[in-house]
Protein backbone atom coordinates (compact mmCIF):
# COMPACT_ATOMS: atom_id res chain seq x y z
CA MET A 1 3.39 -17.37 5.78
CA ASP A 2 5.75 -17.33 2.80
CA ARG A 3 6.42 -13.61 2.29
CA GLY A 4 8.09 -14.33 -1.04
CA ASN A 5 4.76 -15.25 -2.63
CA ALA A 6 2.79 -11.99 -2.87
CA ARG A 7 0.07 -13.59 -4.99
CA GLU A 8 -0.74 -16.02 -2.18
CA CYS A 9 -1.44 -13.28 0.34
CA CYS A 10 -3.24 -10.96 -2.09
CA ASP A 11 -5.77 -13.24 -3.77
CA GLY A 12 -6.95 -15.16 -0.72
CA ALA A 13 -5.61 -18.53 -1.94
CA GLY A 14 -3.40 -18.90 1.12
CA ALA A 15 -4.44 -18.63 4.75
CA VAL A 16 -3.12 -15.44 6.29
CA PRO A 17 -3.26 -15.33 10.09
CA ILE A 18 -4.99 -12.34 11.65
CA VAL A 19 -2.80 -10.83 14.34
CA LYS A 20 -4.00 -8.12 16.69
CA ALA A 21 -1.52 -5.30 17.20
CA PRO A 22 -0.44 -4.67 20.78
CA PHE A 23 -1.92 -1.18 20.44
CA PRO A 24 -4.99 -0.41 18.34
CA TYR A 25 -4.76 2.01 15.44
CA HIS A 26 -7.85 3.85 14.34
CA LEU A 27 -8.87 3.43 10.68
CA ASP A 28 -10.49 6.42 8.92
CA GLU A 29 -11.69 6.19 5.34
CA THR A 30 -10.94 9.20 3.14
CA SER A 31 -12.05 10.26 -0.34
CA PHE A 32 -9.04 8.56 -1.95
CA GLY A 33 -8.04 5.84 0.52
CA PHE A 34 -7.66 5.59 4.28
CA ASP A 35 -5.66 6.81 7.27
CA TRP A 36 -4.47 3.99 9.52
CA GLY A 37 -2.42 5.01 12.53
CA PRO A 38 0.68 6.83 11.28
CA ALA A 39 0.11 5.67 7.67
CA ILE A 40 -1.91 7.33 4.94
CA VAL A 41 -2.78 5.08 1.98
CA GLU A 42 -4.18 6.76 -1.14
CA ARG A 43 -4.90 6.02 -4.76
CA VAL A 44 -3.06 8.67 -6.76
CA VAL A 45 -3.71 8.27 -10.47
CA SER A 46 -4.65 5.75 -13.13
CA ASP A 47 -4.61 5.73 -16.91
CA GLU A 48 -4.58 3.15 -19.67
CA ARG A 49 -0.99 3.83 -20.72
CA HIS A 50 0.81 3.95 -17.34
CA GLY A 51 -1.41 1.83 -15.09
CA VAL A 52 -2.25 2.75 -11.51
CA VAL A 53 -0.33 4.46 -8.68
CA ILE A 54 -0.94 3.95 -4.96
CA CYS A 55 0.86 6.03 -2.33
CA VAL A 56 1.69 5.05 1.26
CA ARG A 57 3.02 7.96 3.31
CA SER A 58 3.87 8.87 6.87
CA PRO A 59 5.46 11.88 8.55
CA ARG A 60 8.88 10.31 7.81
CA GLY A 61 8.54 9.34 4.15
CA ARG A 62 6.54 8.20 1.17
CA VAL A 63 6.38 5.14 -1.07
CA ASP A 64 4.68 5.21 -4.48
CA ILE A 65 3.67 1.87 -5.95
CA ARG A 66 2.90 1.83 -9.68
CA VAL A 67 1.43 -1.22 -11.37
CA THR A 68 1.78 -1.11 -15.14
CA PRO A 69 -0.93 -2.45 -17.47
CA SER A 70 1.24 -5.57 -18.01
CA GLY A 71 1.44 -6.18 -14.24
CA LYS A 72 4.99 -4.96 -13.55
CA ILE A 73 5.37 -3.32 -10.12
CA VAL A 74 7.55 -0.22 -9.82
CA VAL A 75 8.29 1.11 -6.31
CA THR A 76 9.67 4.60 -5.61
CA GLN A 77 10.61 5.70 -2.10
CA GLU A 78 11.19 9.22 -0.77
CA ARG A 79 12.29 10.25 2.69
CA ALA A 80 10.91 13.32 4.40
CA HIS A 81 13.42 16.14 4.69
CA GLY A 82 14.26 17.59 8.04
């Protein structure tokens, strides 16, 4: 898989192999996203001016992914303190 082509893996145009993890993680749907093993994935906010924000967090940090209305992707990462 060419990891440099995000469009290929996101829109289903390219074949993405399904690989089973050596240890299964349980997937729980939540009101705003899902919990998957140590990761929590949530939709945070959306509006017409700023676009949408999705958050991926774990006990050790957080990544916010904002997609602007024009399609630009802005990534912000924070590390957990302690």
